[in-house]
Amino acid sequence: MPEKELRFPALFGEEWWTVDLDRAGPSGREAAEAARAAFDRLGVPRAELRPCEDEARDGTDLGRCFKVYLPPPIGRFGMVFLPEVVEKKIVLRYLAFGVRHHPKGSHAESVYRIAHRRLNG
């Protein structure tokens, strides 16, 4: 019998979620809504979580966080989560959704910059 896939519950704050969806275009909104529906129902698969960097090239510090690429496995969009312990269980608190990397010269914030600002002020 196959081993059950390890998943973590995700907690979404509606304020940040709404802001991020309002900023997303149609393809981003579709990717975000599909991912959230799956994460709300089943949790975030451990296999899709990737650690964020302490000191990334773009100046962000998300070393305590994890990211998922949407759509998996290496989609254009991403979500960033902060792990927390709630009632002795690890949960993933939603920090941001958005485009992972914008073209050179773009002044739009990446999902990593948004998460960094929300986490570090």
N, C-alpha and C. Protein backbone atom coordinates (compact mmCIF):
# COMPACT_ATOMS: atom_id res chain seq x y z
N MET A 1 0.85 -1.18 0.00
CA MET A 1 0.00 0.00 0.00
C MET A 1 0.89 1.25 0.00
N PRO A 2 0.63 2.23 -0.88
CA PRO A 2 1.48 3.42 -0.95
C PRO A 2 1.36 4.26 0.32
N GLU A 3 2.48 4.90 0.66
CA GLU A 3 2.52 5.75 1.82
C GLU A 3 1.70 7.01 1.56
N LYS A 4 0.96 7.47 2.56
CA LYS A 4 0.16 8.68 2.43
C LYS A 4 1.09 9.89 2.30
N GLU A 5 0.78 10.78 1.36
CA GLU A 5 1.58 11.98 1.13
C GLU A 5 1.44 12.94 2.30
N LEU A 6 2.57 13.42 2.80
CA LEU A 6 2.58 14.38 3.90
C LEU A 6 2.09 15.73 3.39
N ARG A 7 1.13 16.31 4.09
CA ARG A 7 0.56 17.62 3.74
C ARG A 7 0.42 18.45 5.00
N PHE A 8 0.46 19.77 4.82
CA PHE A 8 0.32 20.70 5.93
C PHE A 8 -0.89 21.60 5.70
N PRO A 9 -1.70 21.83 6.75
CA PRO A 9 -2.82 22.75 6.61
C PRO A 9 -2.32 24.16 6.31
N ALA A 10 -3.09 24.90 5.51
CA ALA A 10 -2.75 26.29 5.18
C ALA A 10 -3.81 27.21 5.77
N LEU A 11 -3.35 28.33 6.33
CA LEU A 11 -4.23 29.34 6.89
C LEU A 11 -4.13 30.60 6.03
N PHE A 12 -5.25 31.02 5.47
CA PHE A 12 -5.28 32.17 4.58
C PHE A 12 -5.96 33.35 5.28
N GLY A 13 -5.27 34.49 5.34
CA GLY A 13 -5.88 35.72 5.81
C GLY A 13 -6.59 36.38 4.63
N GLU A 14 -7.85 36.67 4.79
CA GLU A 14 -8.65 37.16 3.67
C GLU A 14 -8.19 38.52 3.15
N GLU A 15 -7.67 39.38 4.02
CA GLU A 15 -7.24 40.70 3.57
C GLU A 15 -6.12 40.61 2.54
N TRP A 16 -5.05 39.88 2.89
CA TRP A 16 -3.93 39.74 1.96
C TRP A 16 -4.35 38.96 0.72
N TRP A 17 -5.16 37.93 0.91
CA TRP A 17 -5.62 37.12 -0.21
C TRP A 17 -6.38 37.99 -1.22
N THR A 18 -7.29 38.81 -0.73
CA THR A 18 -8.08 39.67 -1.60
C THR A 18 -7.21 40.68 -2.34
N VAL A 19 -6.26 41.30 -1.64
CA VAL A 19 -5.34 42.24 -2.27
C VAL A 19 -4.55 41.56 -3.38
N ASP A 20 -4.04 40.37 -3.10
CA ASP A 20 -3.23 39.65 -4.09
C ASP A 20 -4.05 39.24 -5.31
N LEU A 21 -5.29 38.78 -5.10
CA LEU A 21 -6.13 38.39 -6.23
C LEU A 21 -6.53 39.61 -7.06
N ASP A 22 -6.79 40.74 -6.41
CA ASP A 22 -7.14 41.96 -7.14
C ASP A 22 -6.00 42.41 -8.05
N ARG A 23 -4.77 42.15 -7.64
CA ARG A 23 -3.58 42.55 -8.40
C ARG A 23 -3.28 41.55 -9.52
N ALA A 24 -3.74 40.33 -9.40
CA ALA A 24 -3.42 39.27 -10.37
C ALA A 24 -4.27 39.42 -11.62
N GLY A 25 -3.69 39.05 -12.75
CA GLY A 25 -4.46 38.98 -13.99
C GLY A 25 -5.27 37.70 -14.03
N PRO A 26 -6.00 37.47 -15.12
CA PRO A 26 -6.85 36.28 -15.20
C PRO A 26 -6.12 34.95 -14.99
N SER A 27 -4.94 34.78 -15.59
CA SER A 27 -4.23 33.50 -15.44
C SER A 27 -3.69 33.35 -14.02
N GLY A 28 -3.26 34.45 -13.42
CA GLY A 28 -2.81 34.40 -12.02
C GLY A 28 -3.94 34.07 -11.08
N ARG A 29 -5.07 34.72 -11.28
CA ARG A 29 -6.25 34.47 -10.43
C ARG A 29 -6.66 33.00 -10.52
N GLU A 30 -6.66 32.47 -11.74
CA GLU A 30 -7.04 31.07 -11.94
C GLU A 30 -6.08 30.13 -11.20
N ALA A 31 -4.78 30.38 -11.32
CA ALA A 31 -3.79 29.54 -10.64
C ALA A 31 -3.93 29.65 -9.13
N ALA A 32 -4.14 30.86 -8.63
CA ALA A 32 -4.26 31.08 -7.18
C ALA A 32 -5.51 30.41 -6.62
N GLU A 33 -6.63 30.60 -7.29
CA GLU A 33 -7.88 30.03 -6.79
C GLU A 33 -7.87 28.51 -6.82
N ALA A 34 -7.30 27.92 -7.87
CA ALA A 34 -7.20 26.46 -7.95
C ALA A 34 -6.31 25.92 -6.84
N ALA A 35 -5.16 26.58 -6.61
CA ALA A 35 -4.25 26.13 -5.56
C ALA A 35 -4.92 26.26 -4.19
N ARG A 36 -5.56 27.40 -3.93
CA ARG A 36 -6.18 27.58 -2.62
C ARG A 36 -7.28 26.54 -2.39
N ALA A 37 -8.08 26.27 -3.38
CA ALA A 37 -9.13 25.26 -3.22
C ALA A 37 -8.53 23.91 -2.83
N ALA A 38 -7.45 23.53 -3.49
CA ALA A 38 -6.79 22.26 -3.17
C ALA A 38 -6.15 22.31 -1.78
N PHE A 39 -5.51 23.43 -1.45
CA PHE A 39 -4.84 23.54 -0.15
C PHE A 39 -5.86 23.57 0.98
N ASP A 40 -7.00 24.24 0.78
CA ASP A 40 -8.05 24.27 1.80
C ASP A 40 -8.62 22.88 2.03
N ARG A 41 -8.76 22.13 0.96
CA ARG A 41 -9.38 20.80 1.03
C ARG A 41 -8.41 19.74 1.54
N LEU A 42 -7.16 19.76 1.04
CA LEU A 42 -6.23 18.66 1.30
C LEU A 42 -4.97 19.06 2.06
N GLY A 43 -4.65 20.35 2.10
CA GLY A 43 -3.39 20.81 2.67
C GLY A 43 -2.35 20.98 1.57
N VAL A 44 -1.22 21.58 1.93
CA VAL A 44 -0.13 21.83 0.99
C VAL A 44 0.79 20.61 1.00
N PRO A 45 1.03 19.99 -0.16
CA PRO A 45 1.90 18.81 -0.19
C PRO A 45 3.34 19.16 0.18
N ARG A 46 3.92 18.38 1.05
CA ARG A 46 5.32 18.59 1.45
C ARG A 46 6.24 18.57 0.24
N ALA A 47 5.93 17.71 -0.72
CA ALA A 47 6.79 17.57 -1.90
C ALA A 47 6.83 18.83 -2.75
N GLU A 48 5.84 19.72 -2.64
CA GLU A 48 5.81 20.95 -3.43
C GLU A 48 6.46 22.14 -2.71
N LEU A 49 6.74 22.00 -1.43
CA LEU A 49 7.33 23.10 -0.66
C LEU A 49 8.83 23.22 -0.92
N ARG A 50 9.27 24.44 -1.16
CA ARG A 50 10.69 24.72 -1.37
C ARG A 50 11.10 25.80 -0.37
N PRO A 51 12.24 25.64 0.26
CA PRO A 51 12.67 26.68 1.22
C PRO A 51 13.03 27.98 0.51
N CYS A 52 12.66 29.09 1.13
CA CYS A 52 13.06 30.41 0.62
C CYS A 52 14.46 30.72 1.17
N GLU A 53 15.10 31.70 0.56
CA GLU A 53 16.47 32.06 0.95
C GLU A 53 16.49 33.11 2.06
N ASP A 54 17.55 33.02 2.90
CA ASP A 54 17.77 34.04 3.93
C ASP A 54 18.07 35.38 3.28
N GLU A 55 19.01 35.39 2.39
CA GLU A 55 19.44 36.62 1.71
C GLU A 55 19.45 36.37 0.22
N ALA A 56 18.33 36.62 -0.42
CA ALA A 56 18.22 36.38 -1.85
C ALA A 56 18.86 37.53 -2.64
N ARG A 57 19.12 37.27 -3.91
CA ARG A 57 19.74 38.28 -4.78
C ARG A 57 18.91 39.56 -4.88
N ASP A 58 17.60 39.45 -4.71
CA ASP A 58 16.74 40.63 -4.82
C ASP A 58 16.63 41.41 -3.51
N GLY A 59 17.40 41.00 -2.49
CA GLY A 59 17.41 41.70 -1.21
C GLY A 59 16.35 41.23 -0.23
N THR A 60 15.59 40.23 -0.59
CA THR A 60 14.57 39.73 0.34
C THR A 60 15.18 38.76 1.35
N ASP A 61 14.55 38.71 2.51
CA ASP A 61 14.96 37.79 3.57
C ASP A 61 13.73 37.00 3.99
N LEU A 62 13.63 35.79 3.46
CA LEU A 62 12.49 34.92 3.75
C LEU A 62 12.96 33.56 4.25
N GLY A 63 14.07 33.55 4.95
CA GLY A 63 14.70 32.31 5.36
C GLY A 63 13.86 31.40 6.22
N ARG A 64 12.86 31.93 6.88
CA ARG A 64 11.98 31.09 7.70
C ARG A 64 10.80 30.55 6.91
N CYS A 65 10.69 30.94 5.64
CA CYS A 65 9.49 30.67 4.84
C CYS A 65 9.70 29.55 3.82
N PHE A 66 8.57 29.14 3.25
CA PHE A 66 8.54 28.16 2.17
C PHE A 66 7.70 28.71 1.03
N LYS A 67 8.02 28.27 -0.18
CA LYS A 67 7.29 28.71 -1.36
C LYS A 67 6.80 27.50 -2.13
N VAL A 68 5.75 27.73 -2.91
CA VAL A 68 5.28 26.73 -3.88
C VAL A 68 5.18 27.43 -5.22
N TYR A 69 5.49 26.71 -6.27
CA TYR A 69 5.39 27.23 -7.63
C TYR A 69 4.04 26.83 -8.19
N LEU A 70 3.38 27.77 -8.86
CA LEU A 70 2.04 27.53 -9.40
C LEU A 70 1.97 27.93 -10.86
N PRO A 71 1.40 27.09 -11.69
CA PRO A 71 1.07 25.72 -11.35
C PRO A 71 2.36 24.88 -11.22
N PRO A 72 2.26 23.82 -10.40
CA PRO A 72 3.45 22.96 -10.22
C PRO A 72 3.82 22.31 -11.55
N PRO A 73 5.04 21.97 -11.79
CA PRO A 73 6.15 22.01 -10.84
C PRO A 73 6.95 23.31 -10.88
N ILE A 74 6.91 24.09 -11.98
CA ILE A 74 7.75 25.30 -12.02
C ILE A 74 7.00 26.46 -12.67
N GLY A 75 5.77 26.67 -12.26
CA GLY A 75 4.93 27.69 -12.86
C GLY A 75 5.44 29.10 -12.67
N ARG A 76 4.82 30.01 -13.37
CA ARG A 76 5.19 31.42 -13.37
C ARG A 76 4.85 32.12 -12.05
N PHE A 77 3.87 31.58 -11.33
CA PHE A 77 3.37 32.19 -10.11
C PHE A 77 3.88 31.44 -8.88
N GLY A 78 3.73 32.08 -7.73
CA GLY A 78 4.13 31.42 -6.50
C GLY A 78 3.32 31.90 -5.32
N MET A 79 3.33 31.09 -4.27
CA MET A 79 2.78 31.46 -2.96
C MET A 79 3.89 31.29 -1.95
N VAL A 80 3.90 32.15 -0.96
CA VAL A 80 4.88 32.07 0.12
C VAL A 80 4.12 31.86 1.42
N PHE A 81 4.63 30.94 2.23
CA PHE A 81 4.02 30.58 3.51
C PHE A 81 5.05 30.66 4.64
N LEU A 82 4.57 30.99 5.82
CA LEU A 82 5.38 30.99 7.03
C LEU A 82 4.89 29.85 7.91
N PRO A 83 5.75 28.88 8.24
CA PRO A 83 5.30 27.79 9.11
C PRO A 83 5.14 28.28 10.55
N GLU A 84 4.09 27.79 11.20
CA GLU A 84 3.82 28.11 12.60
C GLU A 84 3.33 26.85 13.30
N VAL A 85 3.42 26.85 14.60
CA VAL A 85 2.87 25.75 15.39
C VAL A 85 1.56 26.24 16.01
N VAL A 86 0.48 25.54 15.69
CA VAL A 86 -0.84 25.86 16.23
C VAL A 86 -1.40 24.59 16.83
N GLU A 87 -1.66 24.63 18.12
CA GLU A 87 -2.19 23.46 18.82
C GLU A 87 -1.33 22.22 18.56
N LYS A 88 -0.02 22.40 18.69
CA LYS A 88 0.98 21.34 18.55
C LYS A 88 1.07 20.73 17.16
N LYS A 89 0.56 21.45 16.15
CA LYS A 89 0.65 20.99 14.77
C LYS A 89 1.26 22.08 13.91
N ILE A 90 2.05 21.68 12.92
CA ILE A 90 2.63 22.65 11.99
C ILE A 90 1.57 23.04 10.96
N VAL A 91 1.39 24.35 10.82
CA VAL A 91 0.50 24.89 9.80
C VAL A 91 1.29 25.91 8.99
N LEU A 92 0.79 26.22 7.81
CA LEU A 92 1.46 27.18 6.94
C LEU A 92 0.58 28.43 6.83
N ARG A 93 1.09 29.55 7.33
CA ARG A 93 0.36 30.81 7.26
C ARG A 93 0.69 31.50 5.93
N TYR A 94 -0.34 31.83 5.16
CA TYR A 94 -0.19 32.47 3.87
C TYR A 94 0.39 33.87 4.04
N LEU A 95 1.42 34.17 3.23
CA LEU A 95 2.01 35.52 3.22
C LEU A 95 1.73 36.26 1.93
N ALA A 96 1.82 35.58 0.78
CA ALA A 96 1.67 36.29 -0.48
C ALA A 96 1.48 35.34 -1.65
N PHE A 97 0.86 35.89 -2.71
CA PHE A 97 0.74 35.24 -4.00
C PHE A 97 1.12 36.27 -5.07
N GLY A 98 1.77 35.80 -6.13
CA GLY A 98 2.07 36.69 -7.24
C GLY A 98 3.03 36.06 -8.21
N VAL A 99 3.49 36.88 -9.13
CA VAL A 99 4.46 36.45 -10.14
C VAL A 99 5.79 36.23 -9.44
N ARG A 100 6.46 35.15 -9.76
CA ARG A 100 7.74 34.83 -9.12
C ARG A 100 8.84 35.79 -9.56
N HIS A 101 8.97 35.99 -10.84
CA HIS A 101 10.03 36.86 -11.37
C HIS A 101 9.48 37.66 -12.54
N HIS A 102 9.57 38.98 -12.43
CA HIS A 102 9.13 39.86 -13.51
C HIS A 102 10.28 40.08 -14.49
N PRO A 103 9.96 40.51 -15.71
CA PRO A 103 11.03 40.80 -16.68
C PRO A 103 11.93 41.93 -16.18
N LYS A 104 13.17 41.93 -16.65
CA LYS A 104 14.10 43.01 -16.30
C LYS A 104 13.48 44.35 -16.65
N GLY A 105 13.69 45.32 -15.78
CA GLY A 105 13.17 46.65 -16.01
C GLY A 105 11.77 46.87 -15.48
N SER A 106 11.09 45.80 -15.08
CA SER A 106 9.76 45.94 -14.51
C SER A 106 9.87 46.50 -13.09
N HIS A 107 8.92 47.32 -12.74
CA HIS A 107 8.90 47.86 -11.38
C HIS A 107 7.85 47.18 -10.51
N ALA A 108 7.21 46.15 -11.06
CA ALA A 108 6.20 45.41 -10.29
C ALA A 108 6.90 44.56 -9.23
N GLU A 109 6.23 44.39 -8.10
CA GLU A 109 6.79 43.58 -7.01
C GLU A 109 6.59 42.09 -7.29
N SER A 110 7.63 41.31 -7.04
CA SER A 110 7.50 39.86 -7.13
C SER A 110 6.79 39.35 -5.88
N VAL A 111 6.35 38.12 -5.93
CA VAL A 111 5.73 37.50 -4.75
C VAL A 111 6.70 37.51 -3.57
N TYR A 112 7.99 37.42 -3.84
CA TYR A 112 8.98 37.39 -2.77
C TYR A 112 9.12 38.76 -2.10
N ARG A 113 9.07 39.82 -2.89
CA ARG A 113 9.14 41.17 -2.31
C ARG A 113 7.90 41.47 -1.48
N ILE A 114 6.74 41.04 -1.97
CA ILE A 114 5.49 41.24 -1.23
C ILE A 114 5.57 40.51 0.10
N ALA A 115 5.98 39.24 0.07
CA ALA A 115 6.10 38.45 1.30
C ALA A 115 7.11 39.07 2.25
N HIS A 116 8.24 39.52 1.72
CA HIS A 116 9.27 40.15 2.55
C HIS A 116 8.71 41.38 3.27
N ARG A 117 8.00 42.22 2.54
CA ARG A 117 7.40 43.43 3.13
C ARG A 117 6.40 43.08 4.21
N ARG A 118 5.57 42.07 3.97
CA ARG A 118 4.55 41.69 4.95
C ARG A 118 5.17 41.05 6.18
N LEU A 119 6.24 40.33 5.99
CA LEU A 119 6.89 39.64 7.10
C LEU A 119 7.82 40.56 7.90
N ASN A 120 8.56 41.40 7.21
CA ASN A 120 9.60 42.20 7.85
C ASN A 120 9.28 43.69 7.98
N GLY A 121 8.15 44.09 7.41
CA GLY A 121 7.76 45.51 7.50
C GLY A 121 8.39 46.39 6.48
